């Protein structure tokens, strides 16, 4: 498989889009230091040539948009769960990144043997909740405070998964030498910082609330295992972070509700806003999973709320989303009052390893 990204529209469907989604996921994984996951996805792609199982046939005949649906990662998550659960030992050489083995043959045999366990993994999008992305949220809030917005934040997050980023007030950050949050904190993040350091301000959080269509309870071992299955196995530090997040959730569960993005945002923006607080909508690596009609409703709700925003009750929108053309993520912020124009503050690694500050 080529490591170059193939041009494909996010909402494109059909056989060519399916193959492009798998090829692009391989390239994306390799570009983000995940060679084992790239091998798994490449092996899964070979099942499309002659689909011999219901699992492969469902993938080959996918009716939705495979890129927007993250179809390759749904399938890869299922295989990783089998490996983590110890029920598919034949996968071990791939996950050990062994050489001179037939990945396609191994994956094909495992799929045939464990098809009943794998099929449900195709029914919903991956839950890639990553605490390292919260460094971007914090950097954006430092910038907002520097623009004169109140440094006390009411945060609403869509696509919160298990609510790991809703606990960002419990973490410590070293962002280019700028220290934020409790020390040592539940977790500590020191991403490789490129460019000027962000503004230095004292910031605080009055409320942190999120939603997900399928929220994950970190205190449920089975649900936690499912979340771990979506972590790329190469990224050992992410497993350590997950264990720290689980422990934190046992102490105090994040404020997380079951709702779709549009219903949640509309309801939250309709609530009275306390003077002296900045209300922030934030999300990371989720917008592509939000259906187009809900994207339109969220955008309309934010536009309406922006028209009501004042200096005492401002509104901001922080988005960390993938740019699959350049293999990394972009931190984009808007705020009101003001022109509300999107401002790209940084480029970032998918899981928080580095941040390139642009302002």
Protein backbone atom coordinates (compact mmCIF):
# COMPACT_ATOMS: atom_id res chain seq x y z
CA UNK A 1 0.00 0.00 0.00
CA UNK A 2 1.19 3.49 -0.83
CA UNK A 3 2.10 5.81 1.99
CA UNK A 4 0.74 8.75 0.03
CA UNK A 5 -2.75 9.94 0.87
CA UNK A 6 -5.27 9.37 -1.90
CA UNK A 7 -7.68 12.20 -2.70
CA UNK A 8 -11.12 11.29 -1.34
CA UNK A 9 -13.96 13.44 -0.09
CA UNK A 10 -14.85 12.93 3.56
CA UNK A 11 -18.45 11.92 2.75
CA UNK A 12 -17.69 9.95 -0.40
CA UNK A 13 -19.08 6.41 -0.51
CA UNK A 14 -18.61 3.36 -2.70
CA UNK A 15 -15.93 0.72 -3.37
CA UNK A 16 -13.23 3.18 -4.46
CA UNK A 17 -13.80 5.29 -1.34
CA UNK A 18 -13.55 2.20 0.86
CA UNK A 19 -10.19 1.21 -0.58
CA UNK A 20 -8.96 4.80 -0.38
CA UNK A 21 -10.04 4.99 3.27
CA UNK A 22 -7.92 1.96 4.14
CA UNK A 23 -4.94 3.21 2.11
CA UNK A 24 -5.19 6.63 3.71
CA UNK A 25 -5.46 5.16 7.19
CA UNK A 26 -2.26 3.19 6.59
CA UNK A 27 -0.47 6.36 5.49
CA UNK A 28 -1.95 8.32 8.40
CA UNK A 29 -0.83 5.72 10.95
CA UNK A 30 2.69 5.62 9.57
CA UNK A 31 2.86 9.41 9.62
CA UNK A 32 1.78 9.38 13.28
CA UNK A 33 4.25 6.78 14.57
CA UNK A 34 1.87 3.82 14.50
CA UNK A 35 3.50 1.19 12.23
CA UNK A 36 1.79 -1.77 13.93
CA UNK A 37 -1.66 -0.28 13.46
CA UNK A 38 -0.70 0.45 9.86
CA UNK A 39 0.14 -3.25 9.42
CA UNK A 40 -3.22 -4.30 10.88
CA UNK A 41 -5.15 -1.90 8.65
CA UNK A 42 -3.17 -2.96 5.57
CA UNK A 43 -3.88 -6.62 6.34
CA UNK A 44 -7.58 -5.87 6.78
CA UNK A 45 -7.59 -4.16 3.39
CA UNK A 46 -6.53 -7.41 1.72
CA UNK A 47 -9.83 -8.96 2.84
CA UNK A 48 -11.58 -6.70 0.35
CA UNK A 49 -10.08 -8.56 -2.62
CA UNK A 50 -12.18 -11.69 -2.08
CA UNK A 51 -14.49 -11.13 0.91
CA UNK A 52 -14.88 -14.60 2.39
CA UNK A 53 -16.56 -13.71 5.70
CA UNK A 54 -19.57 -11.65 6.73
CA UNK A 55 -17.15 -9.27 8.46
CA UNK A 56 -15.25 -8.67 5.22
CA UNK A 57 -18.45 -8.49 3.16
CA UNK A 58 -19.89 -5.82 5.44
CA UNK A 59 -16.74 -3.74 5.02
CA UNK A 60 -16.61 -4.26 1.25
CA UNK A 61 -20.27 -3.29 0.87
CA UNK A 62 -20.20 -0.39 3.32
CA UNK A 63 -23.08 1.94 2.47
CA UNK A 64 -21.90 4.95 4.45
CA UNK A 65 -18.88 7.15 3.95
CA UNK A 66 -15.92 4.98 5.04
CA UNK A 67 -13.58 7.88 5.79
CA UNK A 68 -16.10 9.86 7.84
CA UNK A 69 -17.20 6.64 9.56
CA UNK A 70 -13.57 5.73 10.38
CA UNK A 71 -14.32 2.27 9.01
CA UNK A 72 -10.69 1.03 9.08
CA UNK A 73 -10.33 1.98 12.76
CA UNK A 74 -13.59 0.26 13.68
CA UNK A 75 -12.24 -2.97 12.25
CA UNK A 76 -8.75 -2.48 13.72
CA UNK A 77 -10.23 -1.79 17.15
CA UNK A 78 -11.96 -5.16 17.10
CA UNK A 79 -8.73 -6.99 16.36
CA UNK A 80 -6.85 -5.07 19.05
CA UNK A 81 -9.55 -6.03 21.57
CA UNK A 82 -9.03 -9.69 20.71
CA UNK A 83 -5.31 -9.24 21.26
CA UNK A 84 -5.70 -7.37 24.54
CA UNK A 85 -8.14 -10.00 25.76
CA UNK A 86 -5.67 -12.78 24.99
CA UNK A 87 -8.18 -14.71 22.90
CA UNK A 88 -6.36 -14.44 19.55
CA UNK A 89 -2.72 -15.41 20.23
CA UNK A 90 -2.01 -15.66 16.50
CA UNK A 91 -2.07 -11.86 16.37
CA UNK A 92 0.78 -11.55 18.87
CA UNK A 93 3.60 -11.53 16.27
CA UNK A 94 2.03 -8.59 14.44
CA UNK A 95 1.54 -6.64 17.66
CA UNK A 96 5.15 -7.43 18.54
CA UNK A 97 6.07 -5.91 15.15
CA UNK A 98 7.80 -9.14 14.10
CA UNK A 99 9.27 -9.31 10.64
CA UNK A 100 8.96 -11.97 7.94
CA UNK A 101 5.39 -12.97 8.76
CA UNK A 102 2.29 -12.98 6.59
CA UNK A 103 0.09 -10.32 8.16
CA UNK A 104 -2.75 -10.85 5.70
CA UNK A 105 -2.91 -14.59 6.30
CA UNK A 106 -2.85 -14.15 10.08
CA UNK A 107 -5.55 -11.49 10.09
CA UNK A 108 -7.70 -13.44 7.63
CA UNK A 109 -7.60 -16.54 9.81
CA UNK A 110 -8.36 -14.60 12.99
CA UNK A 111 -11.30 -12.84 11.36
CA UNK A 112 -12.72 -16.16 10.19
CA UNK A 113 -12.37 -17.70 13.66
CA UNK A 114 -13.61 -14.71 15.71
CA UNK A 115 -16.15 -13.20 13.35
CA UNK A 116 -19.00 -13.17 15.89
CA UNK A 117 -16.89 -11.07 18.26
CA UNK A 118 -15.68 -8.73 15.54
CA UNK A 119 -18.96 -7.86 13.80
CA UNK A 120 -20.27 -5.57 16.59
CA UNK A 121 -17.14 -3.41 16.25
CA UNK A 122 -18.47 -2.23 12.88
CA UNK A 123 -21.66 -0.86 14.43
CA UNK A 124 -20.28 2.35 15.91
CA UNK A 125 -17.45 4.86 15.50
CA UNK A 126 -14.19 4.48 17.40
CA UNK A 127 -13.81 6.03 20.81
CA UNK A 128 -10.38 7.65 20.66
CA UNK A 129 -10.40 9.57 23.90
CA UNK A 130 -6.88 10.99 24.39
CA UNK A 131 -5.87 13.11 27.38
CA UNK A 132 -2.84 14.52 25.55
CA UNK A 133 -5.12 16.58 23.33
CA UNK A 134 -6.16 18.64 26.34
CA UNK A 135 -2.85 20.52 26.09
CA UNK A 136 -4.28 22.17 22.99
CA UNK A 137 -7.45 23.19 24.81
CA UNK A 138 -5.40 24.74 27.61
CA UNK A 139 -3.16 26.61 25.15
CA UNK A 140 -6.23 27.96 23.36
CA UNK A 141 -7.71 29.18 26.66
CA UNK A 142 -4.46 30.96 27.51
CA UNK A 143 -4.73 32.72 24.16
CA UNK A 144 -8.38 33.62 24.79
CA UNK A 145 -7.45 35.09 28.17
CA UNK A 146 -4.78 37.13 26.38
CA UNK A 147 -7.48 38.53 24.09
CA UNK A 148 -9.19 39.94 27.17
CA UNK A 149 -11.84 37.27 27.70
CA UNK A 150 -12.55 36.32 31.32
CA UNK A 151 -10.07 33.58 32.32
CA UNK A 152 -12.78 31.61 34.16
CA UNK A 153 -14.27 29.06 31.77
CA UNK A 154 -17.57 27.20 31.45
CA UNK A 155 -16.69 24.40 29.03
CA UNK A 156 -19.07 22.26 27.03
CA UNK A 157 -17.57 19.44 25.00
CA UNK A 158 -19.14 17.32 22.28
CA UNK A 159 -17.96 13.81 21.49
CA UNK A 160 -16.57 13.46 25.01
CA UNK A 161 -16.35 9.65 24.89
CA UNK A 162 -15.34 8.79 28.48
CA UNK A 163 -14.94 12.42 29.53
CA UNK A 164 -11.16 12.26 29.89
CA UNK A 165 -10.74 15.81 28.59
CA UNK A 166 -13.49 16.97 30.94
CA UNK A 167 -10.97 16.31 33.71
CA UNK A 168 -8.39 18.69 32.20
CA UNK A 169 -8.54 20.87 35.30
CA UNK A 170 -6.93 17.99 37.23
CA UNK A 171 -3.86 17.78 34.97
CA UNK A 172 -0.58 19.70 34.96
CA UNK A 173 0.81 21.26 31.78
CA UNK A 174 4.21 22.56 30.76
CA UNK A 175 3.53 24.37 27.49
CA UNK A 176 6.79 25.79 26.23
CA UNK A 177 7.73 26.62 29.81
CA UNK A 178 4.33 28.04 30.75
CA UNK A 179 3.04 26.10 33.76
CA UNK A 180 -0.70 25.52 34.17
CA UNK A 181 -2.75 23.39 36.54
CA UNK A 182 -2.19 21.53 39.82
CA UNK A 183 1.22 20.05 40.48
CA UNK A 184 1.88 17.17 40.07
CA UNK A 185 -1.71 16.62 38.90
CA UNK A 186 -3.46 13.40 37.95
CA UNK A 187 -1.36 13.50 34.78
CA UNK A 188 1.40 15.79 33.56
CA UNK A 189 1.89 16.87 29.96
CA UNK A 190 5.00 18.38 28.45
CA UNK A 191 4.48 18.29 24.68
CA UNK A 192 7.42 19.15 22.48
CA UNK A 193 6.83 22.85 21.96
CA UNK A 194 7.64 24.48 18.64
CA UNK A 195 7.54 28.22 18.16
CA UNK A 196 6.89 30.94 20.74
CA UNK A 197 5.42 29.91 24.06
CA UNK A 198 1.72 30.65 24.61
CA UNK A 199 0.58 33.63 26.70
CA UNK A 200 0.99 33.21 30.44
CA UNK A 201 -2.22 33.71 32.43
CA UNK A 202 -3.93 32.25 35.42
CA UNK A 203 -7.01 30.38 34.20
CA UNK A 204 -9.73 28.49 36.03
CA UNK A 205 -12.79 26.37 35.41
CA UNK A 206 -16.26 26.97 36.78
CA UNK A 207 -17.96 24.10 34.94
CA UNK A 208 -16.93 21.23 32.66
CA UNK A 209 -19.71 19.26 31.00
CA UNK A 210 -19.77 16.99 27.98
CA UNK A 211 -21.90 14.70 25.86
CA UNK A 212 -21.53 11.62 23.74
CA UNK A 213 -23.97 9.45 21.80
CA UNK A 214 -22.35 6.43 23.46
CA UNK A 215 -20.65 7.65 26.65
CA UNK A 216 -18.07 5.35 28.19
CA UNK A 217 -18.01 4.65 31.92
CA UNK A 218 -14.35 4.38 32.90
CA UNK A 219 -15.30 2.63 36.12
CA UNK A 220 -16.78 -0.30 34.13
CA UNK A 221 -13.86 -2.65 33.27
CA UNK A 222 -15.55 -3.93 30.11
CA UNK A 223 -16.18 -0.43 28.78
CA UNK A 224 -12.65 0.64 29.75
CA UNK A 225 -11.23 -2.32 27.80
CA UNK A 226 -13.16 -1.23 24.74
CA UNK A 227 -11.64 2.23 25.02
CA UNK A 228 -8.15 0.74 25.37
CA UNK A 229 -8.71 -1.24 22.17
CA UNK A 230 -8.84 2.01 20.22
CA UNK A 231 -5.45 3.11 21.55
CA UNK A 232 -2.73 2.41 19.03
CA UNK A 233 -0.56 -0.28 20.62
CA UNK A 234 2.69 1.50 19.80
CA UNK A 235 1.80 4.37 22.10
CA UNK A 236 2.61 2.93 25.52
CA UNK A 237 2.29 6.26 27.29
CA UNK A 238 -1.35 6.45 26.20
CA UNK A 239 -2.09 3.23 28.09
CA UNK A 240 -0.47 4.76 31.17
CA UNK A 241 -2.62 7.85 30.75
CA UNK A 242 -5.71 5.71 30.40
CA UNK A 243 -4.99 3.96 33.69
CA UNK A 244 -4.50 7.36 35.36
CA UNK A 245 -7.80 8.58 33.90
CA UNK A 246 -9.60 5.47 35.13
CA UNK A 247 -8.25 6.04 38.64
CA UNK A 248 -9.35 9.69 38.49
CA UNK A 249 -12.84 8.72 37.36
CA UNK A 250 -13.17 6.34 40.29
CA UNK A 251 -12.46 9.29 42.60
CA UNK A 252 -14.82 11.71 40.83
CA UNK A 253 -16.73 10.93 37.65
CA UNK A 254 -16.61 13.57 34.89
CA UNK A 255 -19.89 15.35 34.15
CA UNK A 256 -20.96 13.43 31.06
CA UNK A 257 -24.42 12.94 29.55
CA UNK A 258 -25.81 10.79 26.74
CA UNK A 259 -26.91 13.09 23.91
CA UNK A 260 -26.11 13.93 20.33
CA UNK A 261 -24.00 16.99 19.64
CA UNK A 262 -26.78 19.23 18.31
CA UNK A 263 -29.28 18.55 21.10
CA UNK A 264 -26.59 19.06 23.73
CA UNK A 265 -25.18 22.30 22.33
CA UNK A 266 -28.61 23.82 21.79
CA UNK A 267 -29.66 22.98 25.35
CA UNK A 268 -26.44 24.23 26.93
CA UNK A 269 -26.37 27.49 24.99
CA UNK A 270 -29.96 28.12 26.05
CA UNK A 271 -28.93 28.10 29.72
CA UNK A 272 -28.25 31.49 31.36
CA UNK A 273 -24.58 32.39 31.32
CA UNK A 274 -22.96 33.74 34.46
CA UNK A 275 -21.33 37.14 34.16
CA UNK A 276 -17.53 37.04 34.27
CA UNK A 277 -17.22 33.61 32.70
CA UNK A 278 -16.24 32.62 29.17
CA UNK A 279 -18.47 29.91 27.73
CA UNK A 280 -16.50 27.57 25.46
CA UNK A 281 -17.63 24.89 23.04
CA UNK A 282 -14.70 22.52 22.55
CA UNK A 283 -14.11 19.29 20.65
CA UNK A 284 -11.20 17.20 19.41
CA UNK A 285 -11.18 14.71 16.54
CA UNK A 286 -14.96 14.46 16.54
CA UNK A 287 -16.40 16.85 13.96
CA UNK A 288 -16.07 14.34 11.12
CA UNK A 289 -18.29 11.92 13.04
CA UNK A 290 -21.08 14.48 13.57
CA UNK A 291 -23.78 14.08 10.88
CA UNK A 292 -24.10 17.01 8.49
CA UNK A 293 -27.54 18.02 9.77
CA UNK A 294 -26.21 18.15 13.33
CA UNK A 295 -23.15 20.12 12.23
CA UNK A 296 -25.53 22.67 10.73
CA UNK A 297 -27.58 22.84 13.94
CA UNK A 298 -24.49 23.27 16.12
CA UNK A 299 -23.20 26.01 13.83
CA UNK A 300 -26.58 27.77 13.84
CA UNK A 301 -26.83 27.56 17.63
CA UNK A 302 -23.35 29.03 18.01
CA UNK A 303 -24.19 31.81 15.56
CA UNK A 304 -27.30 32.70 17.56
CA UNK A 305 -25.38 32.61 20.84
CA UNK A 306 -22.58 34.69 19.32
CA UNK A 307 -25.09 37.44 18.53
CA UNK A 308 -25.94 37.59 22.25
CA UNK A 309 -22.32 37.50 23.47
CA UNK A 310 -20.97 40.46 25.46
CA UNK A 311 -17.63 41.32 27.02
CA UNK A 312 -19.02 40.18 30.36
CA UNK A 313 -20.50 36.97 28.90
CA UNK A 314 -18.31 36.03 25.91
CA UNK A 315 -18.44 32.90 23.78
CA UNK A 316 -15.62 30.87 22.21
CA UNK A 317 -15.30 27.81 20.00
CA UNK A 318 -12.14 25.67 20.25
CA UNK A 319 -11.69 22.89 17.70
CA UNK A 320 -8.79 20.47 17.33
CA UNK A 321 -9.52 18.51 14.18
CA UNK A 322 -7.64 16.45 11.62
CA UNK A 323 -6.20 17.76 8.41
CA UNK A 324 -5.62 14.49 6.61
CA UNK A 325 -3.80 16.16 3.74
CA UNK A 326 -0.85 17.10 5.94
CA UNK A 327 -1.18 14.25 8.49
CA UNK A 328 -1.64 16.36 11.56
CA UNK A 329 -4.22 18.36 13.46
CA UNK A 330 -5.09 22.03 13.55
CA UNK A 331 -6.11 24.03 16.59
CA UNK A 332 -8.66 26.60 15.44
CA UNK A 333 -10.35 29.14 17.73
CA UNK A 334 -13.18 31.65 17.27
CA UNK A 335 -14.59 34.04 19.84
CA UNK A 336 -17.30 36.64 20.32
CA UNK A 337 -17.69 39.58 20.74
CA UNK A 338 -15.36 40.11 17.83
CA UNK A 339 -15.39 39.11 14.20
CA UNK A 340 -15.73 35.42 15.04
CA UNK A 341 -13.34 34.51 12.26
CA UNK A 342 -11.50 31.18 12.70
CA UNK A 343 -7.90 31.66 13.85
CA UNK A 344 -5.49 28.74 13.53
CA UNK A 345 -3.34 28.92 16.63
CA UNK A 346 -1.32 25.74 16.20
CA UNK A 347 -0.63 22.55 14.40
CA UNK A 348 -0.41 19.49 16.59
CA UNK A 349 0.39 15.81 16.82
CA UNK A 350 -2.64 13.54 16.89
CA UNK A 351 -2.08 12.51 20.50
CA UNK A 352 -0.36 15.53 21.98
CA UNK A 353 3.31 14.64 21.43
CA UNK A 354 4.09 18.07 19.96
CA UNK A 355 2.44 21.43 19.35
CA UNK A 356 3.62 23.96 16.78
CA UNK A 357 2.44 27.36 18.00
CA UNK A 358 1.74 29.73 15.13
CA UNK A 359 0.87 33.04 16.81
